[in-house]
Amino acid sequence: MVSTLTIELIPLELEWKGMLKRMLGARESAGPGMSGTLFGWAFGDASREDDEQYVDTLRHEALENAQQAAASKNVSVEPGTETYTVLAPGETLVDFHTAPDSLVVRCTVKLVGPGSEKIHAEGPMNG
């Protein structure tokens, strides 16, 4: 017995448009409960990365930066959603050429408010 397999070739452009349409539909059907994300940043002295009080101050500054960025976009930070990433030179693949000898603290937060679902932290930027 011989079986055959039929493959339907779909032009890449049509496939991409279909995938984009499904993604947008999923986002719209998620409704008002869906929120966006945003980054806040703080930069400090890398030689003090073991000073927990100093790092906590940088975390606070990063959260404030995220709150200011959210306010500039007319949305708010959802309280209690902040998560932090501490980046130190030599411990990450991140290129520190723009902040040499710096301890970098990134705060990621969820957003609330009209239009917040359209704002997303991507890469090092807020989209």
PDB file of N, CA and C in Angstrom:
ATOM      1  N   MET A   1       0.834  -1.163   0.000  1.00  0.00           N
ATOM      2  CA  MET A   1       0.000   0.000   0.000  1.00  0.00           C
ATOM      3  C   MET A   1       0.889   1.239   0.000  1.00  0.00           C
ATOM      4  N   VAL A   2       0.567   2.167  -0.845  1.00  0.00           N
ATOM      5  CA  VAL A   2       1.320   3.405  -0.967  1.00  0.00           C
ATOM      6  C   VAL A   2       0.422   4.548  -0.515  1.00  0.00           C
ATOM      7  N   SER A   3       0.945   5.354   0.399  1.00  0.00           N
ATOM      8  CA  SER A   3       0.169   6.521   0.817  1.00  0.00           C
ATOM      9  C   SER A   3       0.806   7.771   0.235  1.00  0.00           C
ATOM     10  N   THR A   4       0.004   8.750   0.052  1.00  0.00           N
ATOM     11  CA  THR A   4       0.519  10.003  -0.491  1.00  0.00           C
ATOM     12  C   THR A   4       0.261  11.122   0.501  1.00  0.00           C
ATOM     13  N   LEU A   5       1.109  12.089   0.462  1.00  0.00           N
ATOM     14  CA  LEU A   5       0.995  13.246   1.333  1.00  0.00           C
ATOM     15  C   LEU A   5       0.815  14.463   0.450  1.00  0.00           C
ATOM     16  N   THR A   6      -0.217  15.199   0.717  1.00  0.00           N
ATOM     17  CA  THR A   6      -0.463  16.408  -0.053  1.00  0.00           C
ATOM     18  C   THR A   6      -0.056  17.602   0.795  1.00  0.00           C
ATOM     19  N   ILE A   7       0.759  18.450   0.237  1.00  0.00           N
ATOM     20  CA  ILE A   7       1.219  19.647   0.931  1.00  0.00           C
ATOM     21  C   ILE A   7       0.695  20.861   0.181  1.00  0.00           C
ATOM     22  N   GLU A   8       0.012  21.708   0.914  1.00  0.00           N
ATOM     23  CA  GLU A   8      -0.489  22.936   0.322  1.00  0.00           C
ATOM     24  C   GLU A   8       0.499  24.039   0.664  1.00  0.00           C
ATOM     25  N   LEU A   9       1.056  24.661  -0.332  1.00  0.00           N
ATOM     26  CA  LEU A   9       2.002  25.745  -0.118  1.00  0.00           C
ATOM     27  C   LEU A   9       1.242  27.059  -0.002  1.00  0.00           C
ATOM     28  N   ILE A  10       1.465  27.755   1.098  1.00  0.00           N
ATOM     29  CA  ILE A  10       0.830  29.043   1.328  1.00  0.00           C
ATOM     30  C   ILE A  10       1.914  30.102   1.210  1.00  0.00           C
ATOM     31  N   PRO A  11       1.684  31.101   0.389  1.00  0.00           N
ATOM     32  CA  PRO A  11       2.697  32.162   0.292  1.00  0.00           C
ATOM     33  C   PRO A  11       3.013  32.736   1.672  1.00  0.00           C
ATOM     34  N   LEU A  12       4.282  32.983   1.927  1.00  0.00           N
ATOM     35  CA  LEU A  12       4.740  33.449   3.229  1.00  0.00           C
ATOM     36  C   LEU A  12       4.004  34.712   3.674  1.00  0.00           C
ATOM     37  N   GLU A  13       3.737  35.614   2.750  1.00  0.00           N
ATOM     38  CA  GLU A  13       3.052  36.860   3.099  1.00  0.00           C
ATOM     39  C   GLU A  13       1.651  36.581   3.645  1.00  0.00           C
ATOM     40  N   LEU A  14       0.934  35.664   3.022  1.00  0.00           N
ATOM     41  CA  LEU A  14      -0.407  35.329   3.501  1.00  0.00           C
ATOM     42  C   LEU A  14      -0.351  34.634   4.850  1.00  0.00           C
ATOM     43  N   GLU A  15       0.642  33.764   5.032  1.00  0.00           N
ATOM     44  CA  GLU A  15       0.794  33.065   6.305  1.00  0.00           C
ATOM     45  C   GLU A  15       1.086  34.062   7.420  1.00  0.00           C
ATOM     46  N   TRP A  16       1.984  35.028   7.162  1.00  0.00           N
ATOM     47  CA  TRP A  16       2.338  36.028   8.162  1.00  0.00           C
ATOM     48  C   TRP A  16       1.133  36.892   8.497  1.00  0.00           C
ATOM     49  N   LYS A  17       0.379  37.324   7.483  1.00  0.00           N
ATOM     50  CA  LYS A  17      -0.804  38.142   7.729  1.00  0.00           C
ATOM     51  C   LYS A  17      -1.831  37.379   8.558  1.00  0.00           C
ATOM     52  N   GLY A  18      -1.989  36.082   8.279  1.00  0.00           N
ATOM     53  CA  GLY A  18      -2.917  35.260   9.050  1.00  0.00           C
ATOM     54  C   GLY A  18      -2.484  35.141  10.499  1.00  0.00           C
ATOM     55  N   MET A  19      -1.183  34.944  10.729  1.00  0.00           N
ATOM     56  CA  MET A  19      -0.666  34.825  12.080  1.00  0.00           C
ATOM     57  C   MET A  19      -0.846  36.154  12.815  1.00  0.00           C
ATOM     58  N   LEU A  20      -0.555  37.267  12.161  1.00  0.00           N
ATOM     59  CA  LEU A  20      -0.719  38.574  12.780  1.00  0.00           C
ATOM     60  C   LEU A  20      -2.178  38.822  13.133  1.00  0.00           C
ATOM     61  N   LYS A  21      -3.082  38.453  12.247  1.00  0.00           N
ATOM     62  CA  LYS A  21      -4.511  38.632  12.492  1.00  0.00           C
ATOM     63  C   LYS A  21      -4.956  37.806  13.708  1.00  0.00           C
ATOM     64  N   ARG A  22      -4.460  36.568  13.827  1.00  0.00           N
ATOM     65  CA  ARG A  22      -4.805  35.724  14.975  1.00  0.00           C
ATOM     66  C   ARG A  22      -4.262  36.315  16.278  1.00  0.00           C
ATOM     67  N   MET A  23      -3.037  36.847  16.229  1.00  0.00           N
ATOM     68  CA  MET A  23      -2.436  37.445  17.420  1.00  0.00           C
ATOM     69  C   MET A  23      -3.232  38.671  17.876  1.00  0.00           C
ATOM     70  N   LEU A  24      -3.601  39.534  16.928  1.00  0.00           N
ATOM     71  CA  LEU A  24      -4.381  40.726  17.270  1.00  0.00           C
ATOM     72  C   LEU A  24      -5.753  40.337  17.791  1.00  0.00           C
ATOM     73  N   GLY A  25      -6.350  39.327  17.209  1.00  0.00           N
ATOM     74  CA  GLY A  25      -7.648  38.852  17.670  1.00  0.00           C
ATOM     75  C   GLY A  25      -7.573  38.327  19.091  1.00  0.00           C
ATOM     76  N   ALA A  26      -6.511  37.605  19.400  1.00  0.00           N
ATOM     77  CA  ALA A  26      -6.331  37.072  20.754  1.00  0.00           C
ATOM     78  C   ALA A  26      -6.165  38.208  21.749  1.00  0.00           C
ATOM     79  N   ARG A  27      -5.434  39.231  21.365  1.00  0.00           N
ATOM     80  CA  ARG A  27      -5.227  40.372  22.257  1.00  0.00           C
ATOM     81  C   ARG A  27      -6.543  41.101  22.499  1.00  0.00           C
ATOM     82  N   GLU A  28      -7.327  41.299  21.436  1.00  0.00           N
ATOM     83  CA  GLU A  28      -8.608  41.995  21.570  1.00  0.00           C
ATOM     84  C   GLU A  28      -9.587  41.175  22.394  1.00  0.00           C
ATOM     85  N   SER A  29      -9.593  39.859  22.208  1.00  0.00           N
ATOM     86  CA  SER A  29     -10.541  39.027  22.950  1.00  0.00           C
ATOM     87  C   SER A  29     -10.159  38.912  24.420  1.00  0.00           C
ATOM     88  N   ALA A  30      -8.906  39.215  24.738  1.00  0.00           N
ATOM     89  CA  ALA A  30      -8.482  39.166  26.134  1.00  0.00           C
ATOM     90  C   ALA A  30      -9.164  40.257  26.953  1.00  0.00           C
ATOM     91  N   GLY A  31      -9.580  41.310  26.281  1.00  0.00           N
ATOM     92  CA  GLY A  31     -10.351  42.360  26.930  1.00  0.00           C
ATOM     93  C   GLY A  31      -9.549  43.234  27.861  1.00  0.00           C
ATOM     94  N   PRO A  32     -10.255  43.959  28.757  1.00  0.00           N
ATOM     95  CA  PRO A  32      -9.616  44.948  29.609  1.00  0.00           C
ATOM     96  C   PRO A  32      -8.688  44.368  30.668  1.00  0.00           C
ATOM     97  N   GLY A  33      -8.760  43.067  30.923  1.00  0.00           N
ATOM     98  CA  GLY A  33      -7.897  42.470  31.929  1.00  0.00           C
ATOM     99  C   GLY A  33      -6.454  42.344  31.487  1.00  0.00           C
ATOM    100  N   MET A  34      -6.195  42.529  30.217  1.00  0.00           N
ATOM    101  CA  MET A  34      -4.840  42.398  29.701  1.00  0.00           C
ATOM    102  C   MET A  34      -4.059  43.680  29.986  1.00  0.00           C
ATOM    103  N   SER A  35      -2.826  43.555  30.416  1.00  0.00           N
ATOM    104  CA  SER A  35      -2.035  44.740  30.713  1.00  0.00           C
ATOM    105  C   SER A  35      -0.713  44.688  29.976  1.00  0.00           C
ATOM    106  N   GLY A  36      -0.108  45.842  29.861  1.00  0.00           N
ATOM    107  CA  GLY A  36       1.194  45.945  29.227  1.00  0.00           C
ATOM    108  C   GLY A  36       2.295  45.882  30.261  1.00  0.00           C
ATOM    109  N   THR A  37       3.523  46.039  29.784  1.00  0.00           N
ATOM    110  CA  THR A  37       4.689  46.027  30.664  1.00  0.00           C
ATOM    111  C   THR A  37       5.612  47.164  30.284  1.00  0.00           C
ATOM    112  N   LEU A  38       6.471  47.523  31.222  1.00  0.00           N
ATOM    113  CA  LEU A  38       7.380  48.632  31.006  1.00  0.00           C
ATOM    114  C   LEU A  38       8.634  48.417  31.850  1.00  0.00           C
ATOM    115  N   PHE A  39       9.755  48.940  31.381  1.00  0.00           N
ATOM    116  CA  PHE A  39      11.014  48.875  32.127  1.00  0.00           C
ATOM    117  C   PHE A  39      11.296  50.208  32.809  1.00  0.00           C
ATOM    118  N   GLY A  40      11.912  50.141  33.966  1.00  0.00           N
ATOM    119  CA  GLY A  40      12.507  51.299  34.621  1.00  0.00           C
ATOM    120  C   GLY A  40      13.974  50.962  34.858  1.00  0.00           C
ATOM    121  N   TRP A  41      14.828  51.964  34.910  1.00  0.00           N
ATOM    122  CA  TRP A  41      16.268  51.739  35.005  1.00  0.00           C
ATOM    123  C   TRP A  41      16.905  52.579  36.103  1.00  0.00           C
ATOM    124  N   ALA A  42      17.979  52.056  36.681  1.00  0.00           N
ATOM    125  CA  ALA A  42      18.828  52.813  37.600  1.00  0.00           C
ATOM    126  C   ALA A  42      20.263  52.330  37.379  1.00  0.00           C
ATOM    127  N   PHE A  43      21.195  53.255  37.497  1.00  0.00           N
ATOM    128  CA  PHE A  43      22.606  52.954  37.263  1.00  0.00           C
ATOM    129  C   PHE A  43      23.410  53.359  38.486  1.00  0.00           C
ATOM    130  N   GLY A  44      24.328  52.476  38.875  1.00  0.00           N
ATOM    131  CA  GLY A  44      25.132  52.758  40.061  1.00  0.00           C
ATOM    132  C   GLY A  44      26.562  52.291  39.886  1.00  0.00           C
ATOM    133  N   ASP A  45      27.287  52.329  40.968  1.00  0.00           N
ATOM    134  CA  ASP A  45      28.700  51.985  41.019  1.00  0.00           C
ATOM    135  C   ASP A  45      28.866  50.469  41.137  1.00  0.00           C
ATOM    136  N   ALA A  46      29.490  49.856  40.138  1.00  0.00           N
ATOM    137  CA  ALA A  46      29.652  48.399  40.113  1.00  0.00           C
ATOM    138  C   ALA A  46      30.470  47.887  41.305  1.00  0.00           C
ATOM    139  N   SER A  47      31.347  48.712  41.845  1.00  0.00           N
ATOM    140  CA  SER A  47      32.162  48.257  42.981  1.00  0.00           C
ATOM    141  C   SER A  47      31.329  48.079  44.247  1.00  0.00           C
ATOM    142  N   ARG A  48      30.066  48.544  44.229  1.00  0.00           N
ATOM    143  CA  ARG A  48      29.200  48.433  45.414  1.00  0.00           C
ATOM    144  C   ARG A  48      28.110  47.383  45.233  1.00  0.00           C
ATOM    145  N   GLU A  49      28.293  46.460  44.284  1.00  0.00           N
ATOM    146  CA  GLU A  49      27.250  45.469  44.010  1.00  0.00           C
ATOM    147  C   GLU A  49      26.976  44.531  45.184  1.00  0.00           C
ATOM    148  N   ASP A  50      27.888  44.419  46.134  1.00  0.00           N
ATOM    149  CA  ASP A  50      27.676  43.560  47.303  1.00  0.00           C
ATOM    150  C   ASP A  50      27.025  44.306  48.477  1.00  0.00           C
ATOM    151  N   ASP A  51      26.829  45.608  48.343  1.00  0.00           N
ATOM    152  CA  ASP A  51      26.205  46.430  49.374  1.00  0.00           C
ATOM    153  C   ASP A  51      24.691  46.383  49.169  1.00  0.00           C
ATOM    154  N   GLU A  52      24.011  45.526  49.928  1.00  0.00           N
ATOM    155  CA  GLU A  52      22.576  45.282  49.723  1.00  0.00           C
ATOM    156  C   GLU A  52      21.737  46.547  49.899  1.00  0.00           C
ATOM    157  N   GLN A  53      22.091  47.391  50.845  1.00  0.00           N
ATOM    158  CA  GLN A  53      21.343  48.637  51.052  1.00  0.00           C
ATOM    159  C   GLN A  53      21.480  49.546  49.826  1.00  0.00           C
ATOM    160  N   TYR A  54      22.675  49.614  49.273  1.00  0.00           N
ATOM    161  CA  TYR A  54      22.916  50.420  48.072  1.00  0.00           C
ATOM    162  C   TYR A  54      22.107  49.866  46.894  1.00  0.00           C
ATOM    163  N   VAL A  55      22.109  48.555  46.717  1.00  0.00           N
ATOM    164  CA  VAL A  55      21.357  47.925  45.628  1.00  0.00           C
ATOM    165  C   VAL A  55      19.857  48.140  45.825  1.00  0.00           C
ATOM    166  N   ASP A  56      19.382  48.099  47.070  1.00  0.00           N
ATOM    167  CA  ASP A  56      17.967  48.383  47.344  1.00  0.00           C
ATOM    168  C   ASP A  56      17.606  49.811  46.938  1.00  0.00           C
ATOM    169  N   THR A  57      18.512  50.753  47.170  1.00  0.00           N
ATOM    170  CA  THR A  57      18.288  52.142  46.744  1.00  0.00           C
ATOM    171  C   THR A  57      18.171  52.211  45.226  1.00  0.00           C
ATOM    172  N   LEU A  58      19.014  51.460  44.529  1.00  0.00           N
ATOM    173  CA  LEU A  58      18.932  51.435  43.063  1.00  0.00           C
ATOM    174  C   LEU A  58      17.627  50.797  42.598  1.00  0.00           C
ATOM    175  N   ARG A  59      17.171  49.771  43.308  1.00  0.00           N
ATOM    176  CA  ARG A  59      15.877  49.160  42.964  1.00  0.00           C
ATOM    177  C   ARG A  59      14.756  50.189  43.095  1.00  0.00           C
ATOM    178  N   HIS A  60      14.788  50.951  44.174  1.00  0.00           N
ATOM    179  CA  HIS A  60      13.779  51.992  44.393  1.00  0.00           C
ATOM    180  C   HIS A  60      13.834  53.030  43.257  1.00  0.00           C
ATOM    181  N   GLU A  61      15.038  53.431  42.870  1.00  0.00           N
ATOM    182  CA  GLU A  61      15.198  54.399  41.782  1.00  0.00           C
ATOM    183  C   GLU A  61      14.671  53.826  40.458  1.00  0.00           C
ATOM    184  N   ALA A  62      14.914  52.542  40.221  1.00  0.00           N
ATOM    185  CA  ALA A  62      14.434  51.910  38.988  1.00  0.00           C
ATOM    186  C   ALA A  62      12.906  51.869  38.962  1.00  0.00           C
ATOM    187  N   LEU A  63      12.288  51.583  40.115  1.00  0.00           N
ATOM    188  CA  LEU A  63      10.829  51.591  40.198  1.00  0.00           C
ATOM    189  C   LEU A  63      10.295  52.998  39.951  1.00  0.00           C
ATOM    190  N   GLU A  64      10.914  54.003  40.557  1.00  0.00           N
ATOM    191  CA  GLU A  64      10.499  55.391  40.322  1.00  0.00           C
ATOM    192  C   GLU A  64      10.620  55.749  38.841  1.00  0.00           C
ATOM    193  N   ASN A  65      11.694  55.288  38.210  1.00  0.00           N
ATOM    194  CA  ASN A  65      11.883  55.546  36.785  1.00  0.00           C
ATOM    195  C   ASN A  65      10.766  54.903  35.970  1.00  0.00           C
ATOM    196  N   ALA A  66      10.369  53.688  36.332  1.00  0.00           N
ATOM    197  CA  ALA A  66       9.271  53.004  35.633  1.00  0.00           C
ATOM    198  C   ALA A  66       7.960  53.755  35.841  1.00  0.00           C
ATOM    199  N   GLN A  67       7.725  54.243  37.061  1.00  0.00           N
ATOM    200  CA  GLN A  67       6.502  54.993  37.341  1.00  0.00           C
ATOM    201  C   GLN A  67       6.450  56.293  36.541  1.00  0.00           C
ATOM    202  N   GLN A  68       7.591  56.966  36.417  1.00  0.00           N
ATOM    203  CA  GLN A  68       7.659  58.191  35.625  1.00  0.00           C
ATOM    204  C   GLN A  68       7.422  57.897  34.144  1.00  0.00           C
ATOM    205  N   ALA A  69       8.006  56.801  33.653  1.00  0.00           N
ATOM    206  CA  ALA A  69       7.807  56.422  32.246  1.00  0.00           C
ATOM    207  C   ALA A  69       6.337  56.080  31.998  1.00  0.00           C
ATOM    208  N   ALA A  70       5.710  55.397  32.944  1.00  0.00           N
ATOM    209  CA  ALA A  70       4.290  55.062  32.809  1.00  0.00           C
ATOM    210  C   ALA A  70       3.447  56.335  32.778  1.00  0.00           C
ATOM    211  N   ALA A  71       3.725  57.255  33.694  1.00  0.00           N
ATOM    212  CA  ALA A  71       2.968  58.509  33.749  1.00  0.00           C
ATOM    213  C   ALA A  71       3.105  59.286  32.445  1.00  0.00           C
ATOM    214  N   SER A  72       4.290  59.235  31.836  1.00  0.00           N
ATOM    215  CA  SER A  72       4.492  59.955  30.566  1.00  0.00           C
ATOM    216  C   SER A  72       3.658  59.351  29.440  1.00  0.00           C
ATOM    217  N   LYS A  73       3.218  58.117  29.629  1.00  0.00           N
ATOM    218  CA  LYS A  73       2.383  57.440  28.642  1.00  0.00           C
ATOM    219  C   LYS A  73       0.910  57.411  29.082  1.00  0.00           C
ATOM    220  N   ASN A  74       0.601  58.172  30.129  1.00  0.00           N
ATOM    221  CA  ASN A  74      -0.765  58.293  30.663  1.00  0.00           C
ATOM    222  C   ASN A  74      -1.346  56.976  31.170  1.00  0.00           C
ATOM    223  N   VAL A  75      -0.507  56.136  31.749  1.00  0.00           N
ATOM    224  CA  VAL A  75      -0.939  54.899  32.393  1.00  0.00           C
ATOM    225  C   VAL A  75      -0.286  54.836  33.764  1.00  0.00           C
ATOM    226  N   SER A  76      -0.617  53.807  34.538  1.00  0.00           N
ATOM    227  CA  SER A  76      -0.060  53.654  35.889  1.00  0.00           C
ATOM    228  C   SER A  76       0.579  52.286  36.059  1.00  0.00           C
ATOM    229  N   VAL A  77       1.458  52.195  37.037  1.00  0.00           N
ATOM    230  CA  VAL A  77       2.078  50.927  37.402  1.00  0.00           C
ATOM    231  C   VAL A  77       1.134  50.196  38.345  1.00  0.00           C
ATOM    232  N   GLU A  78       0.907  48.921  38.069  1.00  0.00           N
ATOM    233  CA  GLU A  78       0.085  48.103  38.968  1.00  0.00           C
ATOM    234  C   GLU A  78       0.920  47.769  40.201  1.00  0.00           C
ATOM    235  N   PRO A  79       0.498  48.225  41.380  1.00  0.00           N
ATOM    236  CA  PRO A  79       1.286  48.006  42.600  1.00  0.00           C
ATOM    237  C   PRO A  79       1.575  46.519  42.839  1.00  0.00           C
ATOM    238  N   GLY A  80       2.795  46.251  43.281  1.00  0.00           N
ATOM    239  CA  GLY A  80       3.191  44.890  43.634  1.00  0.00           C
ATOM    240  C   GLY A  80       3.614  44.022  42.469  1.00  0.00           C
ATOM    241  N   THR A  81       3.673  44.578  41.253  1.00  0.00           N
ATOM    242  CA  THR A  81       4.042  43.763  40.088  1.00  0.00           C
ATOM    243  C   THR A  81       5.506  43.914  39.700  1.00  0.00           C
ATOM    244  N   GLU A  82       6.256  44.696  40.440  1.00  0.00           N
ATOM    245  CA  GLU A  82       7.636  44.966  40.044  1.00  0.00           C
ATOM    246  C   GLU A  82       8.534  43.747  40.265  1.00  0.00           C
ATOM    247  N   THR A  83       9.384  43.510  39.271  1.00  0.00           N
ATOM    248  CA  THR A  83      10.427  42.490  39.378  1.00  0.00           C
ATOM    249  C   THR A  83      11.735  43.154  38.961  1.00  0.00           C
ATOM    250  N   TYR A  84      12.830  42.716  39.557  1.00  0.00           N
ATOM    251  CA  TYR A  84      14.106  43.381  39.341  1.00  0.00           C
ATOM    252  C   TYR A  84      15.143  42.429  38.762  1.00  0.00           C
ATOM    253  N   THR A  85      15.990  42.998  37.924  1.00  0.00           N
ATOM    254  CA  THR A  85      17.144  42.294  37.397  1.00  0.00           C
ATOM    255  C   THR A  85      18.349  43.185  37.653  1.00  0.00           C
ATOM    256  N   VAL A  86      19.382  42.638  38.285  1.00  0.00           N
ATOM    257  CA  VAL A  86      20.599  43.392  38.561  1.00  0.00           C
ATOM    258  C   VAL A  86      21.679  42.876  37.622  1.00  0.00           C
ATOM    259  N   LEU A  87      22.238  43.787  36.849  1.00  0.00           N
ATOM    260  CA  LEU A  87      23.264  43.434  35.878  1.00  0.00           C
ATOM    261  C   LEU A  87      24.575  44.098  36.258  1.00  0.00           C
ATOM    262  N   ALA A  88      25.614  43.301  36.361  1.00  0.00           N
ATOM    263  CA  ALA A  88      26.939  43.825  36.674  1.00  0.00           C
ATOM    264  C   ALA A  88      27.899  43.415  35.565  1.00  0.00           C
ATOM    265  N   PRO A  89      28.853  44.270  35.224  1.00  0.00           N
ATOM    266  CA  PRO A  89      29.820  43.923  34.180  1.00  0.00           C
ATOM    267  C   PRO A  89      30.508  42.594  34.492  1.00  0.00           C
ATOM    268  N   GLY A  90      30.707  41.788  33.470  1.00  0.00           N
ATOM    269  CA  GLY A  90      31.377  40.514  33.634  1.00  0.00           C
ATOM    270  C   GLY A  90      30.454  39.387  34.052  1.00  0.00           C
ATOM    271  N   GLU A  91      29.203  39.690  34.401  1.00  0.00           N
ATOM    272  CA  GLU A  91      28.262  38.657  34.829  1.00  0.00           C
ATOM    273  C   GLU A  91      27.141  38.443  33.833  1.00  0.00           C
ATOM    274  N   THR A  92      27.217  39.094  32.706  1.00  0.00           N
ATOM    275  CA  THR A  92      26.129  39.023  31.742  1.00  0.00           C
ATOM    276  C   THR A  92      26.670  39.211  30.330  1.00  0.00           C
ATOM    277  N   LEU A  93      25.862  38.855  29.371  1.00  0.00           N
ATOM    278  CA  LEU A  93      26.240  39.072  27.975  1.00  0.00           C
ATOM    279  C   LEU A  93      25.853  40.467  27.492  1.00  0.00           C
ATOM    280  N   VAL A  94      25.232  41.249  28.362  1.00  0.00           N
ATOM    281  CA  VAL A  94      24.832  42.609  28.006  1.00  0.00           C
ATOM    282  C   VAL A  94      26.073  43.449  27.772  1.00  0.00           C
ATOM    283  N   ASP A  95      26.049  44.247  26.718  1.00  0.00           N
ATOM    284  CA  ASP A  95      27.164  45.127  26.387  1.00  0.00           C
ATOM    285  C   ASP A  95      27.063  46.386  27.238  1.00  0.00           C
ATOM    286  N   PHE A  96      28.077  46.643  28.040  1.00  0.00           N
ATOM    287  CA  PHE A  96      28.065  47.786  28.941  1.00  0.00           C
ATOM    288  C   PHE A  96      28.850  48.980  28.392  1.00  0.00           C
ATOM    289  N   HIS A  97      29.049  49.055  27.081  1.00  0.00           N
ATOM    290  CA  HIS A  97      29.865  50.147  26.553  1.00  0.00           C
ATOM    291  C   HIS A  97      29.242  51.516  26.808  1.00  0.00           C
ATOM    292  N   THR A  98      27.932  51.581  27.000  1.00  0.00           N
ATOM    293  CA  THR A  98      27.289  52.864  27.276  1.00  0.00           C
ATOM    294  C   THR A  98      27.272  53.184  28.764  1.00  0.00           C
ATOM    295  N   ALA A  99      27.569  52.207  29.601  1.00  0.00           N
ATOM    296  CA  ALA A  99      27.594  52.423  31.050  1.00  0.00           C
ATOM    297  C   ALA A  99      28.736  51.612  31.661  1.00  0.00           C
ATOM    298  N   PRO A 100      29.978  51.937  31.286  1.00  0.00           N
ATOM    299  CA  PRO A 100      31.105  51.151  31.811  1.00  0.00           C
ATOM    300  C   PRO A 100      31.224  51.303  33.325  1.00  0.00           C
ATOM    301  N   ASP A 101      31.671  50.239  33.974  1.00  0.00           N
ATOM    302  CA  ASP A 101      31.850  50.203  35.429  1.00  0.00           C
ATOM    303  C   ASP A 101      30.567  50.530  36.176  1.00  0.00           C
ATOM    304  N   SER A 102      29.428  50.201  35.573  1.00  0.00           N
ATOM    305  CA  SER A 102      28.144  50.495  36.204  1.00  0.00           C
ATOM    306  C   SER A 102      27.431  49.224  36.624  1.00  0.00           C
ATOM    307  N   LEU A 103      26.709  49.375  37.698  1.00  0.00           N
ATOM    308  CA  LEU A 103      25.776  48.363  38.156  1.00  0.00           C
ATOM    309  C   LEU A 103      24.427  48.827  37.616  1.00  0.00           C
ATOM    310  N   VAL A 104      23.754  47.978  36.859  1.00  0.00           N
ATOM    311  CA  VAL A 104      22.505  48.363  36.221  1.00  0.00           C
ATOM    312  C   VAL A 104      21.373  47.575  36.858  1.00  0.00           C
ATOM    313  N   VAL A 105      20.335  48.284  37.281  1.00  0.00           N
ATOM    314  CA  VAL A 105      19.155  47.642  37.849  1.00  0.00           C
ATOM    315  C   VAL A 105      17.985  47.942  36.925  1.00  0.00           C
ATOM    316  N   ARG A 106      17.347  46.880  36.460  1.00  0.00           N
ATOM    317  CA  ARG A 106      16.159  47.020  35.613  1.00  0.00           C
ATOM    318  C   ARG A 106      14.950  46.563  36.412  1.00  0.00           C
ATOM    319  N   CYS A 107      13.903  47.378  36.387  1.00  0.00           N
ATOM    320  CA  CYS A 107      12.654  47.053  37.068  1.00  0.00           C
ATOM    321  C   CYS A 107      11.588  46.863  35.992  1.00  0.00           C
ATOM    322  N   THR A 108      10.963  45.695  35.968  1.00  0.00           N
ATOM    323  CA  THR A 108       9.881  45.429  35.027  1.00  0.00           C
ATOM    324  C   THR A 108       8.574  45.497  35.803  1.00  0.00           C
ATOM    325  N   VAL A 109       7.601  46.245  35.256  1.00  0.00           N
ATOM    326  CA  VAL A 109       6.313  46.414  35.927  1.00  0.00           C
ATOM    327  C   VAL A 109       5.173  46.146  34.952  1.00  0.00           C
ATOM    328  N   LYS A 110       4.012  45.801  35.515  1.00  0.00           N
ATOM    329  CA  LYS A 110       2.785  45.692  34.725  1.00  0.00           C
ATOM    330  C   LYS A 110       2.075  47.030  34.791  1.00  0.00           C
ATOM    331  N   LEU A 111       1.350  47.348  33.729  1.00  0.00           N
ATOM    332  CA  LEU A 111       0.674  48.627  33.613  1.00  0.00           C
ATOM    333  C   LEU A 111      -0.831  48.472  33.682  1.00  0.00           C
ATOM    334  N   VAL A 112      -1.502  49.496  34.139  1.00  0.00           N
ATOM    335  CA  VAL A 112      -2.956  49.553  34.139  1.00  0.00           C
ATOM    336  C   VAL A 112      -3.381  50.908  33.594  1.00  0.00           C
ATOM    337  N   GLY A 113      -4.584  50.930  33.060  1.00  0.00           N
ATOM    338  CA  GLY A 113      -5.141  52.160  32.527  1.00  0.00           C
ATOM    339  C   GLY A 113      -5.437  52.015  31.047  1.00  0.00           C
ATOM    340  N   PRO A 114      -6.254  52.919  30.528  1.00  0.00           N
ATOM    341  CA  PRO A 114      -6.620  52.866  29.108  1.00  0.00           C
ATOM    342  C   PRO A 114      -5.386  52.886  28.204  1.00  0.00           C
ATOM    343  N   GLY A 115      -5.305  51.918  27.320  1.00  0.00           N
ATOM    344  CA  GLY A 115      -4.189  51.829  26.374  1.00  0.00           C
ATOM    345  C   GLY A 115      -2.964  51.121  26.909  1.00  0.00           C
ATOM    346  N   SER A 116      -2.998  50.698  28.180  1.00  0.00           N
ATOM    347  CA  SER A 116      -1.812  50.060  28.763  1.00  0.00           C
ATOM    348  C   SER A 116      -1.443  48.767  28.044  1.00  0.00           C
ATOM    349  N   GLU A 117      -2.447  48.089  27.467  1.00  0.00           N
ATOM    350  CA  GLU A 117      -2.175  46.822  26.778  1.00  0.00           C
ATOM    351  C   GLU A 117      -1.353  47.013  25.510  1.00  0.00           C
ATOM    352  N   LYS A 118      -1.188  48.238  25.072  1.00  0.00           N
ATOM    353  CA  LYS A 118      -0.423  48.517  23.846  1.00  0.00           C
ATOM    354  C   LYS A 118       1.047  48.800  24.127  1.00  0.00           C
ATOM    355  N   ILE A 119       1.429  48.874  25.386  1.00  0.00           N
ATOM    356  CA  ILE A 119       2.805  49.207  25.764  1.00  0.00           C
ATOM    357  C   ILE A 119       3.487  47.942  26.267  1.00  0.00           C
ATOM    358  N   HIS A 120       4.635  47.635  25.685  1.00  0.00           N
ATOM    359  CA  HIS A 120       5.338  46.408  26.063  1.00  0.00           C
ATOM    360  C   HIS A 120       6.825  46.655  26.170  1.00  0.00           C
ATOM    361  N   ALA A 121       7.400  46.176  27.271  1.00  0.00           N
ATOM    362  CA  ALA A 121       8.836  46.212  27.454  1.00  0.00           C
ATOM    363  C   ALA A 121       9.443  45.171  26.517  1.00  0.00           C
ATOM    364  N   GLU A 122      10.291  45.624  25.617  1.00  0.00           N
ATOM    365  CA  GLU A 122      10.910  44.723  24.647  1.00  0.00           C
ATOM    366  C   GLU A 122      12.383  45.046  24.547  1.00  0.00           C
ATOM    367  N   GLY A 123      13.202  43.998  24.630  1.00  0.00           N
ATOM    368  CA  GLY A 123      14.638  44.246  24.593  1.00  0.00           C
ATOM    369  C   GLY A 123      14.988  45.213  25.710  1.00  0.00           C
ATOM    370  N   PRO A 124      15.829  46.183  25.432  1.00  0.00           N
ATOM    371  CA  PRO A 124      16.155  47.152  26.479  1.00  0.00           C
ATOM    372  C   PRO A 124      15.214  48.355  26.489  1.00  0.00           C
ATOM    373  N   MET A 125      14.216  48.380  25.619  1.00  0.00           N
ATOM    374  CA  MET A 125      13.380  49.566  25.449  1.00  0.00           C
ATOM    375  C   MET A 125      11.928  49.298  25.815  1.00  0.00           C
ATOM    376  N   ASN A 126      11.183  50.373  25.883  1.00  0.00           N
ATOM    377  CA  ASN A 126       9.737  50.301  26.089  1.00  0.00           C
ATOM    378  C   ASN A 126       9.073  50.627  24.761  1.00  0.00           C
ATOM    379  N   GLY A 127       8.294  49.654  24.242  1.00  0.00           N
ATOM    380  CA  GLY A 127       7.678  49.830  22.918  1.00  0.00           C
ATOM    381  C   GLY A 127       6.306  50.402  22.987  1.00  0.00           C
TER     382      GLY A 127
END
